[in-house]
Amino acid sequence: MPSIHNGTGTMYYGKRDVDIGGSYVTTEWVVFFWLPILPLSSWRVFPLTDELVTSHGAQQFFQTRAVPLNWAQVLNVYLLTAGGLAAAWYIIGHHLS
């Protein structure tokens, strides 16, 4: 199960191959300051309840099953992360000059 402390640890990123029952594939990543660094494993997630939003955050119960690493999702997460970092670099660069 992913665990994160001060933005560093492991967490799930991505949602791919959603089926009619609502299950989907996600990938567990090693993260550093919430940025995905290294994919560890992919999982099919089977939601058991709807997401419940409370004053303490969102909560949902689900089951997972390990699946082969989803390389399309890995590439997608890397591309989105690179695009976000490039955009941030561009915006920060224009504000500093």
C-alpha atoms as a PDB file:
ATOM      1  CA  MET A   1       0.000   0.000   0.000  1.00  0.00           C
ATOM      2  CA  PRO A   2       1.471   3.385  -0.951  1.00  0.00           C
ATOM      3  CA  SER A   3       2.764   5.614   1.800  1.00  0.00           C
ATOM      4  CA  ILE A   4       3.920   9.215   1.552  1.00  0.00           C
ATOM      5  CA  HIS A   5       5.539  11.589   4.048  1.00  0.00           C
ATOM      6  CA  ASN A   6       6.257  15.224   3.169  1.00  0.00           C
ATOM      7  CA  GLY A   7       5.816  14.445  -0.525  1.00  0.00           C
ATOM      8  CA  THR A   8       8.280  11.551  -0.604  1.00  0.00           C
ATOM      9  CA  GLY A   9       7.508   7.829  -0.632  1.00  0.00           C
ATOM     10  CA  THR A  10       5.159   5.871  -2.875  1.00  0.00           C
ATOM     11  CA  MET A  11       1.783   6.756  -4.329  1.00  0.00           C
ATOM     12  CA  TYR A  12      -0.600   5.808  -7.103  1.00  0.00           C
ATOM     13  CA  TYR A  13      -0.659   7.885 -10.291  1.00  0.00           C
ATOM     14  CA  GLY A  14      -2.863   7.502 -13.330  1.00  0.00           C
ATOM     15  CA  LYS A  15      -6.198   5.964 -14.211  1.00  0.00           C
ATOM     16  CA  ARG A  16      -6.339   3.908 -17.389  1.00  0.00           C
ATOM     17  CA  ASP A  17      -8.348   1.108 -19.002  1.00  0.00           C
ATOM     18  CA  VAL A  18     -11.573   1.937 -17.169  1.00  0.00           C
ATOM     19  CA  ASP A  19     -14.159  -0.803 -17.689  1.00  0.00           C
ATOM     20  CA  ILE A  20     -17.947  -0.714 -17.542  1.00  0.00           C
ATOM     21  CA  GLY A  21     -17.944  -1.851 -13.908  1.00  0.00           C
ATOM     22  CA  GLY A  22     -15.830   1.132 -12.887  1.00  0.00           C
ATOM     23  CA  SER A  23     -12.557  -0.716 -12.316  1.00  0.00           C
ATOM     24  CA  TYR A  24      -9.382   0.839 -13.680  1.00  0.00           C
ATOM     25  CA  VAL A  25      -5.617   0.362 -13.813  1.00  0.00           C
ATOM     26  CA  THR A  26      -3.295   2.612 -11.822  1.00  0.00           C
ATOM     27  CA  THR A  27       0.454   2.495 -11.204  1.00  0.00           C
ATOM     28  CA  GLU A  28       2.329   2.767  -7.931  1.00  0.00           C
ATOM     29  CA  TRP A  29       5.311   5.137  -8.141  1.00  0.00           C
ATOM     30  CA  VAL A  30       8.287   6.148  -6.048  1.00  0.00           C
ATOM     31  CA  VAL A  31       7.775   9.899  -5.652  1.00  0.00           C
ATOM     32  CA  PHE A  32      10.010  12.742  -4.562  1.00  0.00           C
ATOM     33  CA  PHE A  33       8.164  15.943  -3.644  1.00  0.00           C
ATOM     34  CA  TRP A  34       5.057  14.386  -5.258  1.00  0.00           C
ATOM     35  CA  LEU A  35       6.849  13.961  -8.608  1.00  0.00           C
ATOM     36  CA  PRO A  36       6.734  10.410 -10.014  1.00  0.00           C
ATOM     37  CA  ILE A  37      10.284   9.078 -10.363  1.00  0.00           C
ATOM     38  CA  LEU A  38      10.147   5.292 -10.752  1.00  0.00           C
ATOM     39  CA  PRO A  39       7.181   3.014 -11.530  1.00  0.00           C
ATOM     40  CA  LEU A  40       6.971   0.022  -9.187  1.00  0.00           C
ATOM     41  CA  SER A  41       3.844  -1.912 -10.154  1.00  0.00           C
ATOM     42  CA  SER A  42       0.431  -1.586 -11.779  1.00  0.00           C
ATOM     43  CA  TRP A  43      -2.849  -2.553 -10.161  1.00  0.00           C
ATOM     44  CA  ARG A  44      -6.441  -3.055 -11.271  1.00  0.00           C
ATOM     45  CA  VAL A  45      -8.602  -1.186  -8.776  1.00  0.00           C
ATOM     46  CA  PHE A  46     -12.144  -2.373  -8.050  1.00  0.00           C
ATOM     47  CA  PRO A  47     -14.097   0.345  -6.181  1.00  0.00           C
ATOM     48  CA  LEU A  48     -16.408  -1.171  -3.568  1.00  0.00           C
ATOM     49  CA  THR A  49     -18.073   2.119  -2.543  1.00  0.00           C
ATOM     50  CA  ASP A  50     -18.645   5.563  -3.974  1.00  0.00           C
ATOM     51  CA  GLU A  51     -16.179   8.217  -2.864  1.00  0.00           C
ATOM     52  CA  LEU A  52     -17.305   9.840   0.384  1.00  0.00           C
ATOM     53  CA  VAL A  53     -16.056  13.392   0.941  1.00  0.00           C
ATOM     54  CA  THR A  54     -15.923  14.507   4.567  1.00  0.00           C
ATOM     55  CA  SER A  55     -14.315  17.379   6.440  1.00  0.00           C
ATOM     56  CA  HIS A  56     -11.298  15.078   6.933  1.00  0.00           C
ATOM     57  CA  GLY A  57     -10.841  14.384   3.210  1.00  0.00           C
ATOM     58  CA  ALA A  58     -12.091  11.823   0.722  1.00  0.00           C
ATOM     59  CA  GLN A  59     -12.536   8.152   1.544  1.00  0.00           C
ATOM     60  CA  GLN A  60     -13.317   5.188  -0.674  1.00  0.00           C
ATOM     61  CA  PHE A  61     -13.071   1.447  -0.142  1.00  0.00           C
ATOM     62  CA  PHE A  62     -11.660  -0.714  -2.903  1.00  0.00           C
ATOM     63  CA  GLN A  63      -9.928  -3.983  -3.719  1.00  0.00           C
ATOM     64  CA  THR A  64      -6.846  -4.290  -5.900  1.00  0.00           C
ATOM     65  CA  ARG A  65      -5.270  -6.998  -8.012  1.00  0.00           C
ATOM     66  CA  ALA A  66      -1.714  -6.890  -9.350  1.00  0.00           C
ATOM     67  CA  VAL A  67      -1.422  -6.686 -13.147  1.00  0.00           C
ATOM     68  CA  PRO A  68       1.621  -6.412 -15.437  1.00  0.00           C
ATOM     69  CA  LEU A  69       3.240  -2.982 -15.451  1.00  0.00           C
ATOM     70  CA  ASN A  70       1.179  -0.801 -17.787  1.00  0.00           C
ATOM     71  CA  TRP A  71       3.866   0.813 -19.953  1.00  0.00           C
ATOM     72  CA  ALA A  72       1.381   3.050 -21.802  1.00  0.00           C
ATOM     73  CA  GLN A  73       0.361   4.534 -18.464  1.00  0.00           C
ATOM     74  CA  VAL A  74       3.992   4.873 -17.359  1.00  0.00           C
ATOM     75  CA  LEU A  75       4.807   6.805 -20.545  1.00  0.00           C
ATOM     76  CA  ASN A  76       1.695   8.960 -20.122  1.00  0.00           C
ATOM     77  CA  VAL A  77       2.616   9.879 -16.528  1.00  0.00           C
ATOM     78  CA  TYR A  78       6.206  10.711 -17.547  1.00  0.00           C
ATOM     79  CA  LEU A  79       4.977  12.896 -20.450  1.00  0.00           C
ATOM     80  CA  LEU A  80       2.421  14.736 -18.308  1.00  0.00           C
ATOM     81  CA  THR A  81       5.013  15.295 -15.571  1.00  0.00           C
ATOM     82  CA  ALA A  82       7.592  16.556 -18.073  1.00  0.00           C
ATOM     83  CA  GLY A  83       4.995  18.875 -19.629  1.00  0.00           C
ATOM     84  CA  GLY A  84       3.994  20.240 -16.238  1.00  0.00           C
ATOM     85  CA  LEU A  85       7.606  20.825 -15.226  1.00  0.00           C
ATOM     86  CA  ALA A  86       8.352  22.515 -18.571  1.00  0.00           C
ATOM     87  CA  ALA A  87       5.327  24.794 -18.157  1.00  0.00           C
ATOM     88  CA  ALA A  88       6.335  25.678 -14.594  1.00  0.00           C
ATOM     89  CA  TRP A  89       9.922  26.359 -15.717  1.00  0.00           C
ATOM     90  CA  TYR A  90       8.638  28.602 -18.527  1.00  0.00           C
ATOM     91  CA  ILE A  91       6.264  30.551 -16.254  1.00  0.00           C
ATOM     92  CA  ILE A  92       8.844  30.978 -13.487  1.00  0.00           C
ATOM     93  CA  GLY A  93      11.514  31.958 -16.017  1.00  0.00           C
ATOM     94  CA  HIS A  94       9.323  34.725 -17.468  1.00  0.00           C
ATOM     95  CA  HIS A  95       8.454  36.078 -14.026  1.00  0.00           C
ATOM     96  CA  LEU A  96      12.089  36.243 -12.960  1.00  0.00           C
ATOM     97  CA  SER A  97      13.353  38.030 -16.075  1.00  0.00           C
END
